[in-house]
Amino acid sequence: MKWCRFSTGGPISYGIIESSAEGDTVTEVEGSPFDTYKKTANTHKLDAVKLEVPVIPPTFYAAGINYPEHVTWAAQMRGEEPVLPKQADVGYRAINALVPDGHDIIVPKDATEMLQYEGELVVVIGKTCRNVTEEQALDYVLGYSIGNDVSERTWQRGDRTMWRAKNTDTFKPMGPWIVTGLNPDDLHVVIKVNGNIVGEYDVA
């Protein structure tokens, strides 16, 4: 199933994307994928709606070490040897930085040329959880999306925290939707800048 948040000039609604011989449509729902919901009679052509960020989470964070291929690639771009952390480097991200898929990334005037993209798998948690075991973890996952963890490397290395480097407005494009029922070990990330492929790697 594909979930989205969309608008048609008014309030933002959750919707379910469905495909048919006539094309892709979005059916508006009452409720949300995180609670009870039911489909309404309001259906729109997918290309006639504005897709918003698929979820605005109360808390959202990144767990560095998920992509050793990306770490290796980034080190090669800098002419350095890759250094993999021994454990996940968890850091918070700010919702002010979220923008929908396809939105312009606004580069601050004081940013350097060391502005880099990081294509990331986005895991959307569907239920409240705490102290979950590794074996139980996927039971709490609603679905998956895709995001770009845009990073200003000069700020990242020079500031005391990564707040500015990672959380500047528009630095976190996400979407366009949430897909349920995927195997996270069988996914491939493709990164595009202005429509051109600039990087790709397997998630597993």
N, C-alpha and C. Protein backbone atom coordinates (compact mmCIF):
# COMPACT_ATOMS: atom_id res chain seq x y z
N MET A 1 0.84 -1.19 0.00
CA MET A 1 0.00 0.00 0.00
C MET A 1 0.88 1.25 0.00
N LYS A 2 0.42 2.28 -0.71
CA LYS A 2 1.14 3.55 -0.74
C LYS A 2 0.30 4.63 -0.05
N TRP A 3 0.87 5.19 1.01
CA TRP A 3 0.24 6.29 1.73
C TRP A 3 0.90 7.61 1.36
N CYS A 4 0.11 8.66 1.30
CA CYS A 4 0.67 9.98 1.03
C CYS A 4 -0.08 11.03 1.84
N ARG A 5 0.51 12.21 1.91
CA ARG A 5 -0.18 13.41 2.37
C ARG A 5 -0.26 14.34 1.16
N PHE A 6 -1.42 14.89 0.91
CA PHE A 6 -1.60 15.67 -0.31
C PHE A 6 -2.54 16.84 -0.06
N SER A 7 -2.52 17.77 -1.00
CA SER A 7 -3.46 18.90 -0.95
C SER A 7 -3.90 19.23 -2.36
N THR A 8 -5.05 19.88 -2.44
CA THR A 8 -5.57 20.33 -3.74
C THR A 8 -5.93 21.80 -3.68
N GLY A 9 -5.18 22.55 -2.88
CA GLY A 9 -5.45 23.96 -2.70
C GLY A 9 -6.07 24.30 -1.37
N GLY A 10 -6.43 23.26 -0.60
CA GLY A 10 -7.03 23.46 0.71
C GLY A 10 -6.22 22.75 1.78
N PRO A 11 -6.90 22.19 2.80
CA PRO A 11 -6.19 21.49 3.88
C PRO A 11 -5.45 20.25 3.36
N ILE A 12 -4.43 19.86 4.10
CA ILE A 12 -3.66 18.65 3.77
C ILE A 12 -4.39 17.43 4.32
N SER A 13 -4.48 16.38 3.49
CA SER A 13 -5.16 15.15 3.88
C SER A 13 -4.25 13.96 3.64
N TYR A 14 -4.50 12.88 4.37
CA TYR A 14 -3.87 11.61 4.05
C TYR A 14 -4.64 10.95 2.92
N GLY A 15 -3.92 10.20 2.10
CA GLY A 15 -4.56 9.50 1.01
C GLY A 15 -3.86 8.20 0.70
N ILE A 16 -4.56 7.33 -0.02
CA ILE A 16 -4.01 6.05 -0.46
C ILE A 16 -3.89 6.10 -1.98
N ILE A 17 -2.70 5.81 -2.48
CA ILE A 17 -2.45 5.84 -3.92
C ILE A 17 -2.75 4.46 -4.50
N GLU A 18 -3.53 4.45 -5.56
CA GLU A 18 -3.91 3.20 -6.22
C GLU A 18 -3.67 3.33 -7.72
N SER A 19 -3.31 2.21 -8.33
CA SER A 19 -3.03 2.19 -9.77
C SER A 19 -4.08 1.37 -10.49
N SER A 20 -4.40 1.81 -11.70
CA SER A 20 -5.34 1.08 -12.56
C SER A 20 -4.96 1.35 -14.01
N ALA A 21 -5.71 0.74 -14.91
CA ALA A 21 -5.44 0.94 -16.34
C ALA A 21 -5.66 2.39 -16.74
N GLU A 22 -6.48 3.11 -15.97
CA GLU A 22 -6.76 4.51 -16.28
C GLU A 22 -5.72 5.46 -15.69
N GLY A 23 -4.81 4.93 -14.88
CA GLY A 23 -3.77 5.77 -14.29
C GLY A 23 -3.80 5.73 -12.77
N ASP A 24 -2.88 6.44 -12.15
CA ASP A 24 -2.77 6.46 -10.69
C ASP A 24 -3.72 7.49 -10.10
N THR A 25 -4.34 7.11 -8.99
CA THR A 25 -5.27 8.00 -8.30
C THR A 25 -4.93 8.06 -6.81
N VAL A 26 -5.44 9.09 -6.15
CA VAL A 26 -5.31 9.23 -4.70
C VAL A 26 -6.71 9.27 -4.11
N THR A 27 -6.99 8.36 -3.19
CA THR A 27 -8.28 8.34 -2.50
C THR A 27 -8.09 8.95 -1.11
N GLU A 28 -8.82 10.01 -0.84
CA GLU A 28 -8.73 10.67 0.46
C GLU A 28 -9.30 9.77 1.56
N VAL A 29 -8.68 9.79 2.73
CA VAL A 29 -9.16 9.00 3.84
C VAL A 29 -9.51 9.89 5.02
N GLU A 30 -10.42 9.41 5.84
CA GLU A 30 -10.69 10.02 7.14
C GLU A 30 -9.84 9.28 8.16
N GLY A 31 -9.08 10.00 8.96
CA GLY A 31 -8.16 9.37 9.89
C GLY A 31 -6.75 9.40 9.33
N SER A 32 -5.93 8.45 9.75
CA SER A 32 -4.54 8.41 9.31
C SER A 32 -4.02 6.98 9.37
N PRO A 33 -2.88 6.71 8.74
CA PRO A 33 -2.31 5.36 8.81
C PRO A 33 -1.84 4.99 10.21
N PHE A 34 -1.77 5.95 11.12
CA PHE A 34 -1.29 5.70 12.48
C PHE A 34 -2.44 5.42 13.45
N ASP A 35 -3.65 5.40 12.93
CA ASP A 35 -4.83 5.19 13.77
C ASP A 35 -5.88 4.52 12.90
N THR A 36 -7.12 4.57 13.31
CA THR A 36 -8.18 4.04 12.47
C THR A 36 -8.44 4.99 11.31
N TYR A 37 -8.87 4.45 10.20
CA TYR A 37 -9.16 5.28 9.03
C TYR A 37 -10.20 4.58 8.16
N LYS A 38 -10.83 5.36 7.30
CA LYS A 38 -11.70 4.78 6.28
C LYS A 38 -11.61 5.64 5.03
N LYS A 39 -11.75 4.98 3.90
CA LYS A 39 -11.71 5.69 2.63
C LYS A 39 -12.96 6.54 2.46
N THR A 40 -12.80 7.68 1.81
CA THR A 40 -13.93 8.53 1.46
C THR A 40 -14.25 8.33 -0.02
N ALA A 41 -15.25 9.04 -0.49
CA ALA A 41 -15.61 8.98 -1.91
C ALA A 41 -14.79 9.96 -2.74
N ASN A 42 -13.90 10.71 -2.10
CA ASN A 42 -13.12 11.73 -2.81
C ASN A 42 -11.86 11.12 -3.41
N THR A 43 -11.83 11.05 -4.71
CA THR A 43 -10.69 10.49 -5.43
C THR A 43 -10.17 11.51 -6.44
N HIS A 44 -8.85 11.61 -6.54
CA HIS A 44 -8.22 12.57 -7.43
C HIS A 44 -7.16 11.86 -8.28
N LYS A 45 -6.94 12.36 -9.47
CA LYS A 45 -5.82 11.88 -10.25
C LYS A 45 -4.52 12.29 -9.55
N LEU A 46 -3.56 11.38 -9.53
CA LEU A 46 -2.32 11.64 -8.81
C LEU A 46 -1.62 12.89 -9.33
N ASP A 47 -1.64 13.08 -10.64
CA ASP A 47 -0.92 14.23 -11.20
C ASP A 47 -1.68 15.54 -11.03
N ALA A 48 -2.88 15.47 -10.39
CA ALA A 48 -3.66 16.69 -10.17
C ALA A 48 -3.57 17.19 -8.73
N VAL A 49 -2.81 16.49 -7.88
CA VAL A 49 -2.68 16.90 -6.48
C VAL A 49 -1.24 17.32 -6.20
N LYS A 50 -1.07 18.05 -5.11
CA LYS A 50 0.27 18.41 -4.64
C LYS A 50 0.64 17.44 -3.53
N LEU A 51 1.70 16.68 -3.75
CA LEU A 51 2.16 15.75 -2.73
C LEU A 51 3.00 16.49 -1.70
N GLU A 52 2.64 16.33 -0.44
CA GLU A 52 3.34 16.99 0.66
C GLU A 52 4.34 16.01 1.29
N VAL A 53 5.09 16.47 2.28
CA VAL A 53 5.94 15.55 3.04
C VAL A 53 5.04 14.43 3.57
N PRO A 54 5.38 13.15 3.35
CA PRO A 54 4.44 12.07 3.67
C PRO A 54 4.13 11.90 5.15
N VAL A 55 4.98 12.41 6.04
CA VAL A 55 4.71 12.35 7.47
C VAL A 55 5.48 13.47 8.16
N ILE A 56 4.85 14.10 9.13
CA ILE A 56 5.53 15.09 9.98
C ILE A 56 5.68 14.43 11.35
N PRO A 57 6.82 13.85 11.64
CA PRO A 57 6.95 13.07 12.88
C PRO A 57 7.16 13.95 14.10
N PRO A 58 6.70 13.50 15.26
CA PRO A 58 6.98 14.25 16.49
C PRO A 58 8.47 14.20 16.85
N THR A 59 9.11 13.09 16.49
CA THR A 59 10.55 12.91 16.71
C THR A 59 11.13 12.23 15.49
N PHE A 60 12.28 12.73 15.04
CA PHE A 60 12.89 12.04 13.91
C PHE A 60 14.39 12.17 13.98
N TYR A 61 15.07 11.07 13.71
CA TYR A 61 16.50 11.02 13.91
C TYR A 61 17.15 10.11 12.88
N ALA A 62 18.45 10.20 12.80
CA ALA A 62 19.22 9.39 11.86
C ALA A 62 20.15 8.48 12.64
N ALA A 63 20.43 7.31 12.07
CA ALA A 63 21.33 6.35 12.70
C ALA A 63 22.46 6.05 11.74
N GLY A 64 23.54 6.84 11.82
CA GLY A 64 24.68 6.63 10.95
C GLY A 64 25.30 5.26 11.18
N ILE A 65 25.73 4.64 10.14
CA ILE A 65 26.37 3.32 10.00
C ILE A 65 25.49 2.40 9.16
N ASN A 66 24.29 2.85 8.83
CA ASN A 66 23.41 2.01 8.02
C ASN A 66 23.95 1.77 6.61
N TYR A 67 24.80 2.68 6.12
CA TYR A 67 25.23 2.59 4.73
C TYR A 67 26.75 2.62 4.61
N PRO A 68 27.43 1.49 4.83
CA PRO A 68 28.89 1.50 4.67
C PRO A 68 29.33 1.86 3.26
N GLU A 69 28.50 1.50 2.25
CA GLU A 69 28.86 1.86 0.87
C GLU A 69 28.89 3.38 0.71
N HIS A 70 27.95 4.07 1.36
CA HIS A 70 27.92 5.53 1.26
C HIS A 70 29.13 6.14 1.95
N VAL A 71 29.50 5.61 3.12
CA VAL A 71 30.66 6.12 3.84
C VAL A 71 31.91 5.97 2.98
N THR A 72 32.05 4.82 2.34
CA THR A 72 33.20 4.57 1.47
C THR A 72 33.20 5.52 0.29
N TRP A 73 32.04 5.71 -0.32
CA TRP A 73 31.94 6.62 -1.47
C TRP A 73 32.28 8.05 -1.07
N ALA A 74 31.73 8.51 0.06
CA ALA A 74 31.98 9.88 0.50
C ALA A 74 33.45 10.11 0.80
N ALA A 75 34.10 9.11 1.40
CA ALA A 75 35.53 9.23 1.69
C ALA A 75 36.34 9.32 0.41
N GLN A 76 35.96 8.54 -0.60
CA GLN A 76 36.65 8.60 -1.88
C GLN A 76 36.50 9.97 -2.52
N MET A 77 35.32 10.57 -2.38
CA MET A 77 35.10 11.91 -2.93
C MET A 77 36.01 12.94 -2.27
N ARG A 78 36.36 12.71 -1.00
CA ARG A 78 37.24 13.63 -0.27
C ARG A 78 38.71 13.24 -0.39
N GLY A 79 38.98 12.11 -1.04
CA GLY A 79 40.36 11.64 -1.15
C GLY A 79 40.90 11.09 0.16
N GLU A 80 40.01 10.51 0.98
CA GLU A 80 40.40 10.00 2.29
C GLU A 80 40.07 8.51 2.40
N GLU A 81 40.63 7.87 3.41
CA GLU A 81 40.29 6.49 3.72
C GLU A 81 38.97 6.47 4.51
N PRO A 82 38.08 5.55 4.19
CA PRO A 82 36.81 5.50 4.92
C PRO A 82 37.01 5.07 6.37
N VAL A 83 36.28 5.70 7.28
CA VAL A 83 36.32 5.34 8.69
C VAL A 83 34.89 5.00 9.12
N LEU A 84 34.65 3.73 9.39
CA LEU A 84 33.31 3.29 9.78
C LEU A 84 33.18 3.32 11.30
N PRO A 85 32.12 3.91 11.82
CA PRO A 85 31.92 3.90 13.27
C PRO A 85 31.68 2.49 13.77
N LYS A 86 32.06 2.23 15.02
CA LYS A 86 31.89 0.89 15.59
C LYS A 86 30.46 0.65 16.04
N GLN A 87 29.71 1.71 16.23
CA GLN A 87 28.30 1.57 16.59
C GLN A 87 27.52 2.72 15.96
N ALA A 88 26.20 2.58 15.95
CA ALA A 88 25.36 3.58 15.30
C ALA A 88 25.56 4.96 15.91
N ASP A 89 25.74 5.96 15.05
CA ASP A 89 25.89 7.35 15.48
C ASP A 89 24.52 8.01 15.33
N VAL A 90 23.76 8.03 16.42
CA VAL A 90 22.37 8.50 16.37
C VAL A 90 22.32 10.01 16.61
N GLY A 91 21.60 10.71 15.74
CA GLY A 91 21.47 12.15 15.88
C GLY A 91 20.08 12.62 15.51
N TYR A 92 19.57 13.61 16.23
CA TYR A 92 18.24 14.14 15.94
C TYR A 92 18.26 15.02 14.70
N ARG A 93 17.13 15.04 14.01
CA ARG A 93 16.91 15.94 12.89
C ARG A 93 15.68 16.80 13.21
N ALA A 94 15.61 17.98 12.59
CA ALA A 94 14.56 18.94 12.91
C ALA A 94 13.49 18.96 11.83
N ILE A 95 12.21 19.01 12.25
CA ILE A 95 11.12 18.97 11.28
C ILE A 95 11.06 20.24 10.44
N ASN A 96 11.66 21.34 10.89
CA ASN A 96 11.66 22.56 10.08
C ASN A 96 12.42 22.37 8.77
N ALA A 97 13.31 21.36 8.74
CA ALA A 97 14.12 21.12 7.55
C ALA A 97 13.40 20.27 6.51
N LEU A 98 12.25 19.69 6.86
CA LEU A 98 11.53 18.81 5.95
C LEU A 98 10.85 19.58 4.83
N VAL A 99 11.00 19.07 3.61
CA VAL A 99 10.29 19.59 2.44
C VAL A 99 9.88 18.40 1.57
N PRO A 100 8.86 18.56 0.72
CA PRO A 100 8.42 17.45 -0.12
C PRO A 100 9.44 17.09 -1.20
N ASP A 101 9.30 15.90 -1.71
CA ASP A 101 10.11 15.46 -2.85
C ASP A 101 9.96 16.45 -4.00
N GLY A 102 11.08 16.83 -4.61
CA GLY A 102 11.06 17.76 -5.72
C GLY A 102 11.17 19.22 -5.34
N HIS A 103 11.10 19.52 -4.05
CA HIS A 103 11.22 20.91 -3.58
C HIS A 103 12.66 21.38 -3.74
N ASP A 104 12.85 22.65 -4.04
CA ASP A 104 14.20 23.20 -4.13
C ASP A 104 14.89 23.14 -2.77
N ILE A 105 16.19 22.84 -2.79
CA ILE A 105 17.02 22.94 -1.60
C ILE A 105 17.67 24.32 -1.63
N ILE A 106 17.40 25.12 -0.62
CA ILE A 106 17.89 26.49 -0.59
C ILE A 106 19.25 26.51 0.11
N VAL A 107 20.26 26.95 -0.60
CA VAL A 107 21.62 26.99 -0.07
C VAL A 107 21.84 28.33 0.64
N PRO A 108 22.14 28.33 1.93
CA PRO A 108 22.38 29.59 2.65
C PRO A 108 23.57 30.34 2.07
N LYS A 109 23.53 31.67 2.18
CA LYS A 109 24.60 32.49 1.62
C LYS A 109 25.95 32.19 2.25
N ASP A 110 25.95 31.79 3.52
CA ASP A 110 27.22 31.54 4.19
C ASP A 110 27.67 30.08 4.11
N ALA A 111 26.96 29.25 3.33
CA ALA A 111 27.38 27.87 3.14
C ALA A 111 28.58 27.82 2.20
N THR A 112 29.39 26.79 2.35
CA THR A 112 30.55 26.60 1.48
C THR A 112 30.18 25.66 0.34
N GLU A 113 31.17 25.34 -0.49
CA GLU A 113 30.94 24.40 -1.58
C GLU A 113 30.81 22.97 -1.07
N MET A 114 31.10 22.74 0.20
CA MET A 114 31.03 21.39 0.77
C MET A 114 29.61 21.05 1.21
N LEU A 115 28.67 21.23 0.31
CA LEU A 115 27.28 20.86 0.54
C LEU A 115 27.03 19.54 -0.18
N GLN A 116 26.68 18.51 0.56
CA GLN A 116 26.58 17.17 -0.03
C GLN A 116 25.23 16.54 0.24
N TYR A 117 24.85 15.64 -0.65
CA TYR A 117 23.62 14.88 -0.53
C TYR A 117 23.92 13.54 0.14
N GLU A 118 22.91 12.99 0.81
CA GLU A 118 22.98 11.66 1.39
C GLU A 118 21.62 10.99 1.20
N GLY A 119 21.51 10.14 0.21
CA GLY A 119 20.26 9.42 0.02
C GLY A 119 20.06 8.42 1.15
N GLU A 120 18.91 8.47 1.80
CA GLU A 120 18.66 7.64 2.98
C GLU A 120 17.31 6.94 2.91
N LEU A 121 17.27 5.69 3.37
CA LEU A 121 16.00 5.01 3.58
C LEU A 121 15.35 5.62 4.82
N VAL A 122 14.08 5.98 4.70
CA VAL A 122 13.32 6.54 5.82
C VAL A 122 12.40 5.44 6.37
N VAL A 123 12.58 5.11 7.63
CA VAL A 123 11.74 4.11 8.30
C VAL A 123 10.67 4.85 9.10
N VAL A 124 9.42 4.60 8.78
CA VAL A 124 8.30 5.28 9.45
C VAL A 124 7.72 4.34 10.51
N ILE A 125 7.86 4.74 11.77
CA ILE A 125 7.34 3.93 12.88
C ILE A 125 5.84 4.17 13.02
N GLY A 126 5.08 3.09 13.10
CA GLY A 126 3.63 3.22 13.09
C GLY A 126 2.96 3.14 14.45
N LYS A 127 3.70 2.66 15.47
CA LYS A 127 3.12 2.50 16.80
C LYS A 127 4.12 2.96 17.85
N THR A 128 3.59 3.44 18.97
CA THR A 128 4.46 3.83 20.07
C THR A 128 5.20 2.61 20.61
N CYS A 129 6.49 2.76 20.84
CA CYS A 129 7.27 1.63 21.33
C CYS A 129 8.43 2.12 22.19
N ARG A 130 8.95 1.22 22.99
CA ARG A 130 10.10 1.53 23.84
C ARG A 130 10.75 0.21 24.25
N ASN A 131 12.08 0.22 24.36
CA ASN A 131 12.83 -0.97 24.77
C ASN A 131 12.47 -2.19 23.92
N VAL A 132 12.41 -1.98 22.62
CA VAL A 132 12.04 -3.04 21.68
C VAL A 132 13.27 -3.87 21.33
N THR A 133 13.11 -5.17 21.26
CA THR A 133 14.22 -6.04 20.87
C THR A 133 14.41 -6.00 19.36
N GLU A 134 15.56 -6.45 18.92
CA GLU A 134 15.84 -6.50 17.48
C GLU A 134 14.81 -7.37 16.77
N GLU A 135 14.41 -8.47 17.41
CA GLU A 135 13.45 -9.39 16.80
C GLU A 135 12.07 -8.75 16.67
N GLN A 136 11.73 -7.83 17.56
CA GLN A 136 10.41 -7.19 17.54
C GLN A 136 10.36 -5.93 16.69
N ALA A 137 11.50 -5.40 16.32
CA ALA A 137 11.57 -4.05 15.75
C ALA A 137 10.65 -3.84 14.55
N LEU A 138 10.66 -4.77 13.60
CA LEU A 138 9.89 -4.56 12.38
C LEU A 138 8.38 -4.62 12.63
N ASP A 139 7.96 -5.15 13.78
CA ASP A 139 6.53 -5.17 14.10
C ASP A 139 5.98 -3.76 14.29
N TYR A 140 6.86 -2.80 14.55
CA TYR A 140 6.43 -1.43 14.82
C TYR A 140 6.59 -0.51 13.61
N VAL A 141 7.07 -1.06 12.52
CA VAL A 141 7.30 -0.25 11.32
C VAL A 141 6.03 -0.19 10.47
N LEU A 142 5.58 1.03 10.17
CA LEU A 142 4.44 1.20 9.27
C LEU A 142 4.86 0.97 7.84
N GLY A 143 5.96 1.59 7.44
CA GLY A 143 6.42 1.48 6.06
C GLY A 143 7.70 2.27 5.86
N TYR A 144 8.02 2.50 4.59
CA TYR A 144 9.30 3.12 4.25
C TYR A 144 9.10 4.23 3.23
N SER A 145 9.94 5.23 3.33
CA SER A 145 9.98 6.30 2.35
C SER A 145 11.45 6.52 1.99
N ILE A 146 11.73 7.62 1.33
CA ILE A 146 13.11 7.93 0.94
C ILE A 146 13.37 9.39 1.28
N GLY A 147 14.60 9.68 1.64
CA GLY A 147 14.93 11.05 2.02
C GLY A 147 16.34 11.42 1.64
N ASN A 148 16.64 12.69 1.76
CA ASN A 148 17.98 13.22 1.46
C ASN A 148 18.47 13.96 2.70
N ASP A 149 19.52 13.44 3.32
CA ASP A 149 20.09 14.04 4.53
C ASP A 149 21.15 15.06 4.10
N VAL A 150 20.71 16.16 3.50
CA VAL A 150 21.63 17.18 2.99
C VAL A 150 22.51 17.68 4.13
N SER A 151 23.81 17.82 3.85
CA SER A 151 24.77 18.15 4.91
C SER A 151 25.79 19.16 4.42
N GLU A 152 26.04 20.17 5.25
CA GLU A 152 27.10 21.15 4.96
C GLU A 152 28.33 20.72 5.76
N ARG A 153 29.32 20.14 5.06
CA ARG A 153 30.42 19.45 5.73
C ARG A 153 31.34 20.40 6.51
N THR A 154 31.52 21.63 6.04
CA THR A 154 32.37 22.57 6.78
C THR A 154 31.75 22.88 8.13
N TRP A 155 30.45 23.12 8.14
CA TRP A 155 29.75 23.35 9.41
C TRP A 155 29.79 22.09 10.28
N GLN A 156 29.61 20.94 9.63
CA GLN A 156 29.57 19.68 10.37
C GLN A 156 30.88 19.44 11.12
N ARG A 157 31.99 19.78 10.49
CA ARG A 157 33.30 19.56 11.11
C ARG A 157 33.69 20.67 12.08
N GLY A 158 33.20 21.88 11.85
CA GLY A 158 33.64 23.02 12.65
C GLY A 158 32.75 23.38 13.82
N ASP A 159 31.44 23.11 13.71
CA ASP A 159 30.52 23.46 14.79
C ASP A 159 30.60 22.44 15.92
N ARG A 160 30.17 22.84 17.10
CA ARG A 160 30.19 21.93 18.24
C ARG A 160 29.16 20.81 18.07
N THR A 161 28.06 21.10 17.39
CA THR A 161 27.05 20.09 17.09
C THR A 161 26.77 20.10 15.59
N MET A 162 25.96 19.15 15.13
CA MET A 162 25.60 19.08 13.71
C MET A 162 24.29 19.80 13.42
N TRP A 163 23.81 20.60 14.38
CA TRP A 163 22.49 21.20 14.22
C TRP A 163 22.38 22.02 12.94
N ARG A 164 23.31 22.96 12.73
CA ARG A 164 23.24 23.81 11.55
C ARG A 164 23.55 23.01 10.28
N ALA A 165 24.53 22.14 10.35
CA ALA A 165 24.97 21.40 9.17
C ALA A 165 23.90 20.47 8.63
N LYS A 166 23.04 19.96 9.50
CA LYS A 166 22.06 18.96 9.10
C LYS A 166 20.62 19.48 9.10
N ASN A 167 20.34 20.57 9.83
CA ASN A 167 18.95 20.94 10.08
C ASN A 167 18.54 22.31 9.56
N THR A 168 19.32 22.86 8.65
CA THR A 168 18.94 24.12 8.01
C THR A 168 17.65 23.91 7.19
N ASP A 169 16.82 24.93 7.09
CA ASP A 169 15.58 24.83 6.32
C ASP A 169 15.85 24.23 4.94
N THR A 170 14.99 23.32 4.52
CA THR A 170 14.98 22.62 3.22
C THR A 170 16.06 21.55 3.11
N PHE A 171 16.81 21.28 4.16
CA PHE A 171 17.90 20.30 4.08
C PHE A 171 17.42 18.85 4.23
N LYS A 172 16.11 18.62 4.35
CA LYS A 172 15.62 17.26 4.52
C LYS A 172 14.44 16.95 3.60
N PRO A 173 14.67 16.88 2.28
CA PRO A 173 13.59 16.43 1.39
C PRO A 173 13.18 14.99 1.73
N MET A 174 11.89 14.72 1.68
CA MET A 174 11.39 13.38 1.98
C MET A 174 10.17 13.08 1.11
N GLY A 175 10.09 11.82 0.68
CA GLY A 175 8.90 11.39 -0.04
C GLY A 175 9.22 10.81 -1.41
N PRO A 176 8.20 10.64 -2.24
CA PRO A 176 6.90 11.32 -2.14
C PRO A 176 5.83 10.60 -1.31
N TRP A 177 6.06 9.33 -0.94
CA TRP A 177 5.02 8.61 -0.21
C TRP A 177 5.65 7.59 0.72
N ILE A 178 4.79 6.89 1.48
CA ILE A 178 5.20 5.80 2.37
C ILE A 178 4.69 4.51 1.75
N VAL A 179 5.56 3.51 1.63
CA VAL A 179 5.17 2.22 1.07
C VAL A 179 5.23 1.17 2.17
N THR A 180 4.16 0.42 2.32
CA THR A 180 4.12 -0.64 3.33
C THR A 180 4.48 -1.99 2.70
N GLY A 181 4.85 -2.95 3.56
CA GLY A 181 5.07 -4.32 3.09
C GLY A 181 6.38 -4.57 2.37
N LEU A 182 7.34 -3.65 2.46
CA LEU A 182 8.62 -3.84 1.79
C LEU A 182 9.59 -4.62 2.68
N ASN A 183 10.54 -5.29 2.04
CA ASN A 183 11.64 -5.94 2.75
C ASN A 183 12.80 -4.96 2.80
N PRO A 184 13.16 -4.43 3.97
CA PRO A 184 14.21 -3.42 4.03
C PRO A 184 15.59 -3.93 3.63
N ASP A 185 15.75 -5.26 3.60
CA ASP A 185 17.04 -5.82 3.20
C ASP A 185 17.15 -6.00 1.70
N ASP A 186 16.11 -5.62 0.97
CA ASP A 186 16.09 -5.83 -0.48
C ASP A 186 15.74 -4.53 -1.20
N LEU A 187 16.39 -3.44 -0.78
CA LEU A 187 16.11 -2.13 -1.37
C LEU A 187 17.38 -1.50 -1.89
N HIS A 188 17.23 -0.68 -2.92
CA HIS A 188 18.37 -0.02 -3.58
C HIS A 188 18.08 1.48 -3.63
N VAL A 189 19.01 2.28 -3.15
CA VAL A 189 18.85 3.73 -3.11
C VAL A 189 19.50 4.36 -4.34
N VAL A 190 18.76 5.21 -5.03
CA VAL A 190 19.28 5.97 -6.17
C VAL A 190 19.14 7.45 -5.83
N ILE A 191 20.23 8.20 -5.94
CA ILE A 191 20.23 9.63 -5.62
C ILE A 191 20.29 10.43 -6.91
N LYS A 192 19.38 11.40 -7.04
CA LYS A 192 19.37 12.26 -8.22
C LYS A 192 19.47 13.72 -7.80
N VAL A 193 20.23 14.49 -8.55
CA VAL A 193 20.30 15.93 -8.38
C VAL A 193 19.87 16.57 -9.69
N ASN A 194 18.81 17.33 -9.67
CA ASN A 194 18.25 17.95 -10.88
C ASN A 194 17.97 16.91 -11.96
N GLY A 195 17.49 15.74 -11.53
CA GLY A 195 17.11 14.70 -12.47
C GLY A 195 18.23 13.78 -12.91
N ASN A 196 19.46 14.06 -12.53
CA ASN A 196 20.61 13.26 -12.94
C ASN A 196 21.05 12.34 -11.80
N ILE A 197 21.32 11.08 -12.11
CA ILE A 197 21.79 10.13 -11.10
C ILE A 197 23.21 10.49 -10.69
N VAL A 198 23.41 10.68 -9.38
CA VAL A 198 24.74 11.06 -8.87
C VAL A 198 25.27 10.04 -7.87
N GLY A 199 24.49 9.04 -7.54
CA GLY A 199 24.94 8.01 -6.61
C GLY A 199 23.88 6.96 -6.42
N GLU A 200 24.30 5.74 -6.07
CA GLU A 200 23.36 4.67 -5.77
C GLU A 200 24.07 3.58 -4.98
N TYR A 201 23.32 2.90 -4.12
CA TYR A 201 23.89 1.82 -3.33
C TYR A 201 22.77 1.00 -2.71
N ASP A 202 23.10 -0.24 -2.34
CA ASP A 202 22.13 -1.11 -1.69
C ASP A 202 22.00 -0.74 -0.22
N VAL A 203 20.79 -0.91 0.32
CA VAL A 203 20.56 -0.63 1.73
C VAL A 203 21.21 -1.69 2.61
N ALA A 204 21.04 -2.95 2.24
CA ALA A 204 21.56 -4.05 3.08
C ALA A 204 23.09 -4.06 3.06
